[in-house]
Amino acid sequence: MTPHEQGRFCSVCSKTVRDFTDASDDEMIRAISDPSEKICGNFRESQLNRDLGYSYVNSLFARFAVGFIVTASGLVPFHAQEHCSSKSDTLKEASLKGKPAPKLIRNDTASTKHLILGGIRRESIDKYRSPLYVINGKPGTETDFKALDPESIRKINVLKGAYATGRYGRKAFNGAIEVTTKQKRK
């Protein structure tokens, strides 16, 4: 036998002889499955007459498991949320003595900020996914619904899916919100 890059070459059988006694199942599979190489091997007795333990699914599962363990154990730091300091809305009592308290005005910040999801503004998504508003049996808009006084509402029903489209047709494809208000007594 003469020395070769990946083992020795046998001139009698015209094959490359490799020593697999310390090789893993993965290494044996890669070496044997290459059709261009003619290989003859040296194996341990425990490596013969058994199925090789390689599975593509098992290797993916092993990689996933290692990734999960690394992430769950905290070896890779990540910050999902930022810590926000809470702001106090109270005023000092000393500055209010003898004066009427000023009225605190809070703007609804949800309508002024625009959330961007995948490059699309939130408003454009909501415009096409908004439900049908039915106020006292008549179709209305989201503005009409928001203008209602919460104290004047008697009942709200939320209809979803086939039940909403069956009752109100295609206009209620994204659901329907039925609002019944209290009747004013004369």
N, C-alpha and C. Protein backbone atom coordinates (compact mmCIF):
# COMPACT_ATOMS: atom_id res chain seq x y z
N MET A 1 0.84 -1.18 0.00
CA MET A 1 0.00 0.00 0.00
C MET A 1 0.88 1.24 0.00
N THR A 2 0.44 2.24 -0.77
CA THR A 2 1.19 3.49 -0.83
C THR A 2 0.39 4.58 -0.14
N PRO A 3 1.06 5.58 0.52
CA PRO A 3 0.32 6.67 1.19
C PRO A 3 -0.49 7.48 0.18
N HIS A 4 -1.65 7.94 0.63
CA HIS A 4 -2.57 8.71 -0.20
C HIS A 4 -3.10 9.85 0.66
N GLU A 5 -3.74 10.89 0.04
CA GLU A 5 -4.24 12.04 0.80
C GLU A 5 -5.19 11.63 1.91
N GLN A 6 -6.17 10.82 1.63
CA GLN A 6 -7.19 10.48 2.61
C GLN A 6 -7.04 9.05 3.11
N GLY A 7 -5.88 8.53 3.13
CA GLY A 7 -5.66 7.17 3.59
C GLY A 7 -4.52 6.56 2.80
N ARG A 8 -4.64 5.31 2.52
CA ARG A 8 -3.61 4.60 1.73
C ARG A 8 -4.28 4.02 0.50
N PHE A 9 -3.49 3.83 -0.55
CA PHE A 9 -4.02 3.26 -1.79
C PHE A 9 -3.52 1.83 -1.93
N CYS A 10 -4.46 0.92 -2.16
CA CYS A 10 -4.13 -0.50 -2.32
C CYS A 10 -4.06 -0.80 -3.82
N SER A 11 -2.91 -1.21 -4.29
CA SER A 11 -2.75 -1.50 -5.72
C SER A 11 -3.41 -2.82 -6.11
N VAL A 12 -3.67 -3.69 -5.15
CA VAL A 12 -4.29 -4.98 -5.44
C VAL A 12 -5.78 -4.79 -5.76
N CYS A 13 -6.50 -4.03 -4.90
CA CYS A 13 -7.95 -3.86 -5.13
C CYS A 13 -8.27 -2.54 -5.80
N SER A 14 -7.30 -1.69 -6.07
CA SER A 14 -7.45 -0.38 -6.72
C SER A 14 -8.45 0.51 -5.97
N LYS A 15 -8.37 0.52 -4.66
CA LYS A 15 -9.26 1.35 -3.84
C LYS A 15 -8.44 2.11 -2.81
N THR A 16 -9.03 3.20 -2.33
CA THR A 16 -8.42 3.94 -1.24
C THR A 16 -8.85 3.29 0.06
N VAL A 17 -7.90 2.96 0.90
CA VAL A 17 -8.20 2.32 2.18
C VAL A 17 -8.19 3.40 3.25
N ARG A 18 -9.31 3.53 3.97
CA ARG A 18 -9.43 4.54 5.02
C ARG A 18 -9.65 3.87 6.36
N ASP A 19 -9.18 4.52 7.40
CA ASP A 19 -9.34 4.02 8.76
C ASP A 19 -10.57 4.71 9.37
N PHE A 20 -11.65 3.95 9.59
CA PHE A 20 -12.88 4.49 10.15
C PHE A 20 -13.05 4.13 11.63
N THR A 21 -12.03 3.64 12.28
CA THR A 21 -12.17 3.18 13.66
C THR A 21 -12.52 4.31 14.61
N ASP A 22 -12.07 5.54 14.34
CA ASP A 22 -12.39 6.68 15.21
C ASP A 22 -13.38 7.63 14.55
N ALA A 23 -14.00 7.25 13.44
CA ALA A 23 -14.91 8.13 12.70
C ALA A 23 -16.32 8.05 13.27
N SER A 24 -17.03 9.16 13.18
CA SER A 24 -18.44 9.18 13.60
C SER A 24 -19.30 8.64 12.45
N ASP A 25 -20.57 8.39 12.75
CA ASP A 25 -21.49 7.90 11.72
C ASP A 25 -21.60 8.91 10.58
N ASP A 26 -21.62 10.20 10.91
CA ASP A 26 -21.69 11.26 9.90
C ASP A 26 -20.52 11.18 8.93
N GLU A 27 -19.32 11.05 9.46
CA GLU A 27 -18.12 10.99 8.62
C GLU A 27 -18.13 9.75 7.74
N MET A 28 -18.58 8.62 8.28
CA MET A 28 -18.64 7.39 7.48
C MET A 28 -19.65 7.54 6.35
N ILE A 29 -20.79 8.13 6.63
CA ILE A 29 -21.82 8.30 5.60
C ILE A 29 -21.30 9.19 4.48
N ARG A 30 -20.65 10.32 4.83
CA ARG A 30 -20.13 11.22 3.81
C ARG A 30 -19.07 10.54 2.94
N ALA A 31 -18.20 9.77 3.54
CA ALA A 31 -17.13 9.11 2.78
C ALA A 31 -17.67 8.01 1.89
N ILE A 32 -18.59 7.20 2.40
CA ILE A 32 -19.10 6.05 1.64
C ILE A 32 -20.09 6.48 0.57
N SER A 33 -20.84 7.56 0.81
CA SER A 33 -21.88 7.95 -0.14
C SER A 33 -21.35 8.68 -1.37
N ASP A 34 -20.07 9.05 -1.41
CA ASP A 34 -19.49 9.71 -2.58
C ASP A 34 -19.21 8.66 -3.66
N PRO A 35 -19.99 8.66 -4.77
CA PRO A 35 -19.85 7.60 -5.78
C PRO A 35 -18.55 7.70 -6.59
N SER A 36 -17.90 8.86 -6.59
CA SER A 36 -16.69 9.00 -7.40
C SER A 36 -15.49 8.30 -6.75
N GLU A 37 -15.54 8.07 -5.45
CA GLU A 37 -14.43 7.43 -4.76
C GLU A 37 -14.68 5.94 -4.59
N LYS A 38 -13.63 5.18 -4.81
CA LYS A 38 -13.69 3.74 -4.54
C LYS A 38 -12.98 3.57 -3.21
N ILE A 39 -13.74 3.18 -2.18
CA ILE A 39 -13.20 3.15 -0.83
C ILE A 39 -13.28 1.75 -0.25
N CYS A 40 -12.23 1.39 0.44
CA CYS A 40 -12.18 0.18 1.24
C CYS A 40 -11.86 0.67 2.64
N GLY A 41 -12.48 0.13 3.68
CA GLY A 41 -12.31 0.69 5.00
C GLY A 41 -11.87 -0.27 6.07
N ASN A 42 -11.28 0.28 7.11
CA ASN A 42 -10.90 -0.45 8.30
C ASN A 42 -11.86 -0.02 9.40
N PHE A 43 -12.68 -0.96 9.92
CA PHE A 43 -13.71 -0.65 10.90
C PHE A 43 -13.48 -1.42 12.20
N ARG A 44 -14.05 -0.92 13.29
CA ARG A 44 -14.10 -1.67 14.54
C ARG A 44 -15.22 -2.69 14.42
N GLU A 45 -15.18 -3.72 15.21
CA GLU A 45 -16.21 -4.75 15.17
C GLU A 45 -17.58 -4.18 15.56
N SER A 46 -17.60 -3.22 16.48
CA SER A 46 -18.87 -2.63 16.93
C SER A 46 -19.51 -1.75 15.85
N GLN A 47 -18.75 -1.37 14.82
CA GLN A 47 -19.29 -0.54 13.75
C GLN A 47 -19.91 -1.37 12.63
N LEU A 48 -19.74 -2.65 12.64
CA LEU A 48 -20.24 -3.52 11.57
C LEU A 48 -21.62 -4.06 11.90
N ASN A 49 -22.38 -4.40 10.85
CA ASN A 49 -23.71 -5.03 10.95
C ASN A 49 -24.69 -4.23 11.81
N ARG A 50 -24.76 -2.94 11.58
CA ARG A 50 -25.73 -2.09 12.28
C ARG A 50 -26.14 -0.95 11.35
N ASP A 51 -27.29 -0.35 11.66
CA ASP A 51 -27.74 0.81 10.89
C ASP A 51 -26.94 2.02 11.32
N LEU A 52 -26.58 2.84 10.34
CA LEU A 52 -25.88 4.07 10.67
C LEU A 52 -26.89 5.06 11.23
N GLY A 53 -26.52 5.75 12.28
CA GLY A 53 -27.46 6.64 12.97
C GLY A 53 -27.49 8.04 12.42
N TYR A 54 -27.83 8.19 11.15
CA TYR A 54 -27.93 9.53 10.58
C TYR A 54 -29.33 9.74 10.05
N SER A 55 -29.90 10.82 10.40
CA SER A 55 -31.20 11.21 9.88
C SER A 55 -31.19 12.71 9.70
N TYR A 56 -31.60 13.17 8.53
CA TYR A 56 -31.63 14.60 8.27
C TYR A 56 -32.58 15.29 9.25
N VAL A 57 -33.71 14.65 9.55
CA VAL A 57 -34.67 15.22 10.49
C VAL A 57 -34.05 15.30 11.88
N ASN A 58 -33.33 14.25 12.29
CA ASN A 58 -32.70 14.27 13.61
C ASN A 58 -31.63 15.35 13.70
N SER A 59 -30.88 15.57 12.62
CA SER A 59 -29.85 16.61 12.67
C SER A 59 -30.49 17.99 12.77
N LEU A 60 -31.61 18.21 12.06
CA LEU A 60 -32.32 19.49 12.18
C LEU A 60 -32.87 19.66 13.59
N PHE A 61 -33.43 18.57 14.13
CA PHE A 61 -33.98 18.63 15.48
C PHE A 61 -32.88 18.94 16.49
N ALA A 62 -31.72 18.34 16.32
CA ALA A 62 -30.61 18.59 17.23
C ALA A 62 -30.17 20.05 17.17
N ARG A 63 -30.10 20.60 15.97
CA ARG A 63 -29.72 22.01 15.83
C ARG A 63 -30.76 22.92 16.47
N PHE A 64 -32.03 22.60 16.27
CA PHE A 64 -33.10 23.39 16.87
C PHE A 64 -33.02 23.31 18.39
N ALA A 65 -32.80 22.11 18.92
CA ALA A 65 -32.73 21.92 20.37
C ALA A 65 -31.57 22.72 20.96
N VAL A 66 -30.42 22.70 20.30
CA VAL A 66 -29.27 23.47 20.79
C VAL A 66 -29.59 24.96 20.78
N GLY A 67 -30.20 25.44 19.71
CA GLY A 67 -30.57 26.85 19.62
C GLY A 67 -31.56 27.24 20.70
N PHE A 68 -32.53 26.37 20.96
CA PHE A 68 -33.54 26.65 21.99
C PHE A 68 -32.89 26.70 23.37
N ILE A 69 -32.01 25.75 23.64
CA ILE A 69 -31.35 25.71 24.95
C ILE A 69 -30.48 26.95 25.16
N VAL A 70 -29.76 27.36 24.12
CA VAL A 70 -28.91 28.55 24.24
C VAL A 70 -29.77 29.79 24.48
N THR A 71 -30.89 29.90 23.77
CA THR A 71 -31.76 31.06 23.94
C THR A 71 -32.45 31.04 25.29
N ALA A 72 -33.00 29.89 25.68
CA ALA A 72 -33.76 29.80 26.92
C ALA A 72 -32.87 29.93 28.15
N SER A 73 -31.63 29.50 28.05
CA SER A 73 -30.76 29.57 29.22
C SER A 73 -30.19 30.96 29.44
N GLY A 74 -30.39 31.85 28.50
CA GLY A 74 -29.93 33.21 28.67
C GLY A 74 -28.49 33.42 28.27
N LEU A 75 -27.90 32.47 27.56
CA LEU A 75 -26.53 32.65 27.11
C LEU A 75 -26.43 33.73 26.05
N VAL A 76 -27.52 33.94 25.32
CA VAL A 76 -27.57 34.99 24.31
C VAL A 76 -28.51 36.06 24.84
N PRO A 77 -28.00 37.22 25.23
CA PRO A 77 -28.88 38.25 25.79
C PRO A 77 -29.72 38.90 24.70
N PHE A 78 -30.95 39.19 25.03
CA PHE A 78 -31.81 39.94 24.13
C PHE A 78 -32.77 40.77 24.96
N HIS A 79 -33.18 41.89 24.40
CA HIS A 79 -34.08 42.79 25.11
C HIS A 79 -35.33 42.94 24.26
N ALA A 80 -36.42 42.34 24.70
CA ALA A 80 -37.66 42.39 23.94
C ALA A 80 -38.39 43.70 24.15
N GLN A 81 -38.28 44.26 25.35
CA GLN A 81 -38.98 45.49 25.64
C GLN A 81 -38.04 46.44 26.35
N GLU A 82 -38.25 47.70 26.09
CA GLU A 82 -37.46 48.69 26.79
C GLU A 82 -38.18 49.07 28.07
N HIS A 83 -37.42 49.40 29.08
CA HIS A 83 -38.00 49.81 30.35
C HIS A 83 -38.36 51.28 30.26
N CYS A 84 -39.61 51.61 30.47
CA CYS A 84 -40.07 52.99 30.41
C CYS A 84 -40.27 53.50 31.83
N SER A 85 -39.81 54.68 32.09
CA SER A 85 -40.04 55.25 33.41
C SER A 85 -41.44 55.82 33.45
N SER A 86 -42.13 55.61 34.55
CA SER A 86 -43.50 56.08 34.67
C SER A 86 -43.49 57.57 35.01
N LYS A 87 -44.40 58.30 34.40
CA LYS A 87 -44.49 59.73 34.65
C LYS A 87 -45.66 59.98 35.59
N SER A 88 -45.47 60.88 36.47
CA SER A 88 -46.49 61.19 37.45
C SER A 88 -47.39 62.29 36.90
N ASP A 89 -48.72 62.12 37.03
CA ASP A 89 -49.68 63.12 36.58
C ASP A 89 -50.16 64.01 37.72
N THR A 90 -49.59 63.84 38.88
CA THR A 90 -50.04 64.62 40.03
C THR A 90 -49.29 65.94 40.10
N LEU A 91 -49.95 66.93 40.63
CA LEU A 91 -49.34 68.25 40.81
C LEU A 91 -49.01 68.44 42.28
N LYS A 92 -48.04 69.26 42.55
CA LYS A 92 -47.68 69.51 43.94
C LYS A 92 -48.79 70.32 44.61
N GLU A 93 -49.13 69.92 45.84
CA GLU A 93 -50.21 70.59 46.57
C GLU A 93 -49.85 72.02 46.92
N ALA A 94 -48.60 72.29 47.17
CA ALA A 94 -48.18 73.62 47.60
C ALA A 94 -48.51 74.68 46.55
N SER A 95 -48.41 74.33 45.29
CA SER A 95 -48.67 75.32 44.24
C SER A 95 -50.15 75.52 43.98
N LEU A 96 -51.03 74.66 44.53
CA LEU A 96 -52.46 74.75 44.27
C LEU A 96 -53.24 75.43 45.39
N LYS A 97 -52.64 75.74 46.49
CA LYS A 97 -53.38 76.32 47.62
C LYS A 97 -53.95 77.67 47.23
N GLY A 98 -55.28 77.78 47.39
CA GLY A 98 -55.96 79.03 47.12
C GLY A 98 -56.28 79.26 45.66
N LYS A 99 -55.96 78.32 44.77
CA LYS A 99 -56.22 78.48 43.34
C LYS A 99 -57.03 77.28 42.86
N PRO A 100 -57.88 77.47 41.84
CA PRO A 100 -58.59 76.32 41.29
C PRO A 100 -57.60 75.41 40.55
N ALA A 101 -57.86 74.14 40.65
CA ALA A 101 -56.97 73.18 39.99
C ALA A 101 -57.13 73.27 38.48
N PRO A 102 -56.03 73.26 37.76
CA PRO A 102 -56.13 73.31 36.29
C PRO A 102 -56.65 71.97 35.76
N LYS A 103 -57.35 72.05 34.63
CA LYS A 103 -57.89 70.84 34.02
C LYS A 103 -56.78 70.18 33.21
N LEU A 104 -56.55 68.90 33.47
CA LEU A 104 -55.53 68.17 32.73
C LEU A 104 -56.14 67.67 31.42
N ILE A 105 -55.49 67.96 30.33
CA ILE A 105 -55.98 67.53 29.02
C ILE A 105 -55.04 66.47 28.50
N ARG A 106 -55.62 65.34 28.18
CA ARG A 106 -54.82 64.25 27.60
C ARG A 106 -55.30 64.00 26.19
N ASN A 107 -54.38 64.02 25.29
CA ASN A 107 -54.71 63.67 23.91
C ASN A 107 -54.58 62.17 23.73
N ASP A 108 -55.38 61.63 22.86
CA ASP A 108 -55.29 60.21 22.55
C ASP A 108 -54.08 60.02 21.64
N THR A 109 -53.01 59.46 22.18
CA THR A 109 -51.78 59.32 21.41
C THR A 109 -51.85 58.18 20.41
N ALA A 110 -52.80 57.27 20.57
CA ALA A 110 -52.88 56.13 19.65
C ALA A 110 -53.25 56.57 18.24
N SER A 111 -54.06 57.62 18.11
CA SER A 111 -54.48 58.04 16.78
C SER A 111 -53.46 58.93 16.10
N THR A 112 -52.52 59.53 16.86
CA THR A 112 -51.54 60.41 16.23
C THR A 112 -50.27 59.69 15.83
N LYS A 113 -49.98 58.57 16.45
CA LYS A 113 -48.79 57.80 16.09
C LYS A 113 -49.17 56.75 15.06
N HIS A 114 -48.27 56.49 14.15
CA HIS A 114 -48.54 55.51 13.10
C HIS A 114 -47.59 54.34 13.26
N LEU A 115 -48.16 53.19 13.43
CA LEU A 115 -47.38 51.97 13.56
C LEU A 115 -47.09 51.44 12.16
N ILE A 116 -45.84 51.13 11.87
CA ILE A 116 -45.48 50.64 10.55
C ILE A 116 -45.18 49.15 10.65
N LEU A 117 -45.93 48.36 9.90
CA LEU A 117 -45.74 46.92 9.85
C LEU A 117 -45.35 46.54 8.44
N GLY A 118 -44.12 46.12 8.25
CA GLY A 118 -43.68 45.70 6.93
C GLY A 118 -43.77 46.79 5.89
N GLY A 119 -43.62 48.04 6.29
CA GLY A 119 -43.64 49.15 5.36
C GLY A 119 -45.03 49.66 5.03
N ILE A 120 -46.06 49.17 5.70
CA ILE A 120 -47.43 49.61 5.45
C ILE A 120 -47.92 50.32 6.70
N ARG A 121 -48.53 51.47 6.53
CA ARG A 121 -49.02 52.19 7.69
C ARG A 121 -50.23 51.48 8.27
N ARG A 122 -50.38 51.58 9.57
CA ARG A 122 -51.45 50.90 10.29
C ARG A 122 -52.83 51.36 9.81
N GLU A 123 -52.97 52.63 9.46
CA GLU A 123 -54.27 53.14 9.04
C GLU A 123 -54.79 52.42 7.80
N SER A 124 -53.91 52.17 6.84
CA SER A 124 -54.36 51.53 5.60
C SER A 124 -54.81 50.10 5.85
N ILE A 125 -54.19 49.42 6.82
CA ILE A 125 -54.63 48.06 7.16
C ILE A 125 -56.00 48.11 7.81
N ASP A 126 -56.16 49.01 8.79
CA ASP A 126 -57.41 49.09 9.54
C ASP A 126 -58.58 49.53 8.67
N LYS A 127 -58.30 50.36 7.66
CA LYS A 127 -59.38 50.86 6.81
C LYS A 127 -60.08 49.72 6.08
N TYR A 128 -59.32 48.71 5.68
CA TYR A 128 -59.90 47.60 4.93
C TYR A 128 -60.37 46.47 5.83
N ARG A 129 -60.02 46.50 7.09
CA ARG A 129 -60.41 45.43 8.01
C ARG A 129 -61.42 45.89 9.05
N SER A 130 -61.96 47.05 8.91
CA SER A 130 -62.87 47.55 9.93
C SER A 130 -64.22 46.85 9.81
N PRO A 131 -64.87 46.63 10.94
CA PRO A 131 -66.17 45.95 10.93
C PRO A 131 -67.28 46.91 10.51
N LEU A 132 -68.44 46.35 10.31
CA LEU A 132 -69.63 47.14 10.02
C LEU A 132 -70.22 47.57 11.36
N TYR A 133 -70.49 48.87 11.52
CA TYR A 133 -71.09 49.38 12.75
C TYR A 133 -72.58 49.56 12.50
N VAL A 134 -73.41 48.95 13.35
CA VAL A 134 -74.86 49.07 13.25
C VAL A 134 -75.35 49.69 14.55
N ILE A 135 -75.85 50.92 14.47
CA ILE A 135 -76.30 51.65 15.66
C ILE A 135 -77.81 51.78 15.59
N ASN A 136 -78.49 51.16 16.54
CA ASN A 136 -79.96 51.14 16.61
C ASN A 136 -80.57 50.65 15.30
N GLY A 137 -79.98 49.62 14.70
CA GLY A 137 -80.51 49.00 13.50
C GLY A 137 -80.12 49.68 12.20
N LYS A 138 -79.38 50.78 12.25
CA LYS A 138 -78.98 51.50 11.05
C LYS A 138 -77.46 51.45 10.90
N PRO A 139 -76.96 51.22 9.68
CA PRO A 139 -75.51 51.21 9.48
C PRO A 139 -74.89 52.57 9.81
N GLY A 140 -73.75 52.54 10.46
CA GLY A 140 -73.05 53.77 10.83
C GLY A 140 -71.57 53.64 10.54
N THR A 141 -70.82 54.65 10.92
CA THR A 141 -69.38 54.65 10.71
C THR A 141 -68.66 54.51 12.05
N GLU A 142 -67.36 54.34 11.96
CA GLU A 142 -66.55 54.24 13.17
C GLU A 142 -66.60 55.56 13.94
N THR A 143 -66.69 56.66 13.22
CA THR A 143 -66.78 57.98 13.86
C THR A 143 -68.07 58.10 14.65
N ASP A 144 -69.18 57.60 14.08
CA ASP A 144 -70.46 57.60 14.80
C ASP A 144 -70.36 56.77 16.07
N PHE A 145 -69.69 55.62 15.96
CA PHE A 145 -69.54 54.72 17.11
C PHE A 145 -68.71 55.38 18.20
N LYS A 146 -67.62 56.04 17.82
CA LYS A 146 -66.76 56.69 18.81
C LYS A 146 -67.43 57.91 19.44
N ALA A 147 -68.38 58.50 18.73
CA ALA A 147 -69.06 59.69 19.25
C ALA A 147 -70.14 59.34 20.27
N LEU A 148 -70.50 58.07 20.38
CA LEU A 148 -71.55 57.68 21.33
C LEU A 148 -71.08 57.88 22.77
N ASP A 149 -72.01 58.32 23.61
CA ASP A 149 -71.73 58.45 25.03
C ASP A 149 -71.81 57.06 25.65
N PRO A 150 -70.78 56.61 26.35
CA PRO A 150 -70.81 55.26 26.94
C PRO A 150 -71.98 55.03 27.88
N GLU A 151 -72.47 56.10 28.52
CA GLU A 151 -73.60 55.97 29.44
C GLU A 151 -74.92 55.73 28.69
N SER A 152 -74.95 56.08 27.40
CA SER A 152 -76.19 55.92 26.63
C SER A 152 -76.31 54.55 25.97
N ILE A 153 -75.30 53.71 26.10
CA ILE A 153 -75.31 52.39 25.46
C ILE A 153 -76.00 51.38 26.36
N ARG A 154 -77.00 50.69 25.81
CA ARG A 154 -77.69 49.64 26.55
C ARG A 154 -77.03 48.29 26.31
N LYS A 155 -76.72 47.99 25.03
CA LYS A 155 -76.20 46.66 24.70
C LYS A 155 -75.29 46.75 23.48
N ILE A 156 -74.22 45.93 23.49
CA ILE A 156 -73.32 45.81 22.34
C ILE A 156 -73.18 44.34 22.00
N ASN A 157 -73.40 43.99 20.72
CA ASN A 157 -73.20 42.63 20.22
C ASN A 157 -72.09 42.65 19.18
N VAL A 158 -71.17 41.72 19.29
CA VAL A 158 -70.10 41.59 18.30
C VAL A 158 -70.37 40.33 17.50
N LEU A 159 -70.55 40.49 16.19
CA LEU A 159 -70.84 39.37 15.30
C LEU A 159 -69.61 39.08 14.46
N LYS A 160 -69.28 37.80 14.33
CA LYS A 160 -68.08 37.41 13.58
C LYS A 160 -68.41 36.41 12.49
N GLY A 161 -67.54 36.35 11.49
CA GLY A 161 -67.55 35.31 10.48
C GLY A 161 -68.85 35.20 9.69
N ALA A 162 -69.27 33.94 9.49
CA ALA A 162 -70.43 33.64 8.65
C ALA A 162 -71.72 34.20 9.25
N TYR A 163 -71.79 34.30 10.56
CA TYR A 163 -73.00 34.83 11.19
C TYR A 163 -73.19 36.30 10.81
N ALA A 164 -72.09 37.07 10.81
CA ALA A 164 -72.17 38.49 10.46
C ALA A 164 -72.52 38.67 8.98
N THR A 165 -71.87 37.90 8.09
CA THR A 165 -72.17 38.04 6.66
C THR A 165 -73.55 37.51 6.33
N GLY A 166 -74.02 36.51 7.05
CA GLY A 166 -75.37 36.01 6.83
C GLY A 166 -76.42 37.03 7.22
N ARG A 167 -76.12 37.82 8.22
CA ARG A 167 -77.10 38.78 8.71
C ARG A 167 -77.06 40.11 7.95
N TYR A 168 -75.84 40.58 7.60
CA TYR A 168 -75.71 41.90 6.96
C TYR A 168 -75.09 41.86 5.57
N GLY A 169 -74.77 40.69 5.07
CA GLY A 169 -74.22 40.58 3.73
C GLY A 169 -72.73 40.85 3.68
N ARG A 170 -72.25 41.14 2.46
CA ARG A 170 -70.81 41.31 2.21
C ARG A 170 -70.22 42.49 2.98
N LYS A 171 -71.02 43.47 3.33
CA LYS A 171 -70.51 44.63 4.07
C LYS A 171 -69.95 44.22 5.42
N ALA A 172 -70.43 43.11 5.96
CA ALA A 172 -69.99 42.64 7.29
C ALA A 172 -68.97 41.52 7.18
N PHE A 173 -68.19 41.48 6.09
CA PHE A 173 -67.18 40.44 5.91
C PHE A 173 -66.17 40.42 7.05
N ASN A 174 -65.82 41.59 7.57
CA ASN A 174 -64.87 41.69 8.69
C ASN A 174 -65.57 41.74 10.04
N GLY A 175 -66.82 41.33 10.09
CA GLY A 175 -67.57 41.33 11.35
C GLY A 175 -68.50 42.52 11.44
N ALA A 176 -69.31 42.52 12.47
CA ALA A 176 -70.25 43.61 12.69
C ALA A 176 -70.35 43.88 14.19
N ILE A 177 -70.54 45.14 14.52
CA ILE A 177 -70.75 45.54 15.91
C ILE A 177 -72.12 46.20 15.98
N GLU A 178 -73.04 45.54 16.69
CA GLU A 178 -74.39 46.06 16.86
C GLU A 178 -74.46 46.81 18.19
N VAL A 179 -74.92 48.06 18.13
CA VAL A 179 -75.04 48.87 19.33
C VAL A 179 -76.50 49.27 19.50
N THR A 180 -77.03 49.02 20.69
CA THR A 180 -78.38 49.45 21.03
C THR A 180 -78.25 50.48 22.13
N THR A 181 -78.79 51.68 21.89
CA THR A 181 -78.70 52.74 22.89
C THR A 181 -79.97 52.80 23.72
N LYS A 182 -79.85 53.43 24.87
CA LYS A 182 -81.02 53.61 25.74
C LYS A 182 -81.92 54.66 25.09
N GLN A 183 -83.23 54.41 25.14
CA GLN A 183 -84.18 55.35 24.56
C GLN A 183 -84.39 56.51 25.53
N LYS A 184 -84.43 57.71 25.00
CA LYS A 184 -84.67 58.89 25.84
C LYS A 184 -86.14 58.95 26.19
N ARG A 185 -86.42 59.17 27.48
CA ARG A 185 -87.82 59.28 27.93
C ARG A 185 -88.27 60.73 27.77
N LYS A 186 -89.52 60.90 27.32
CA LYS A 186 -90.05 62.25 27.09
C LYS A 186 -90.96 62.66 28.20
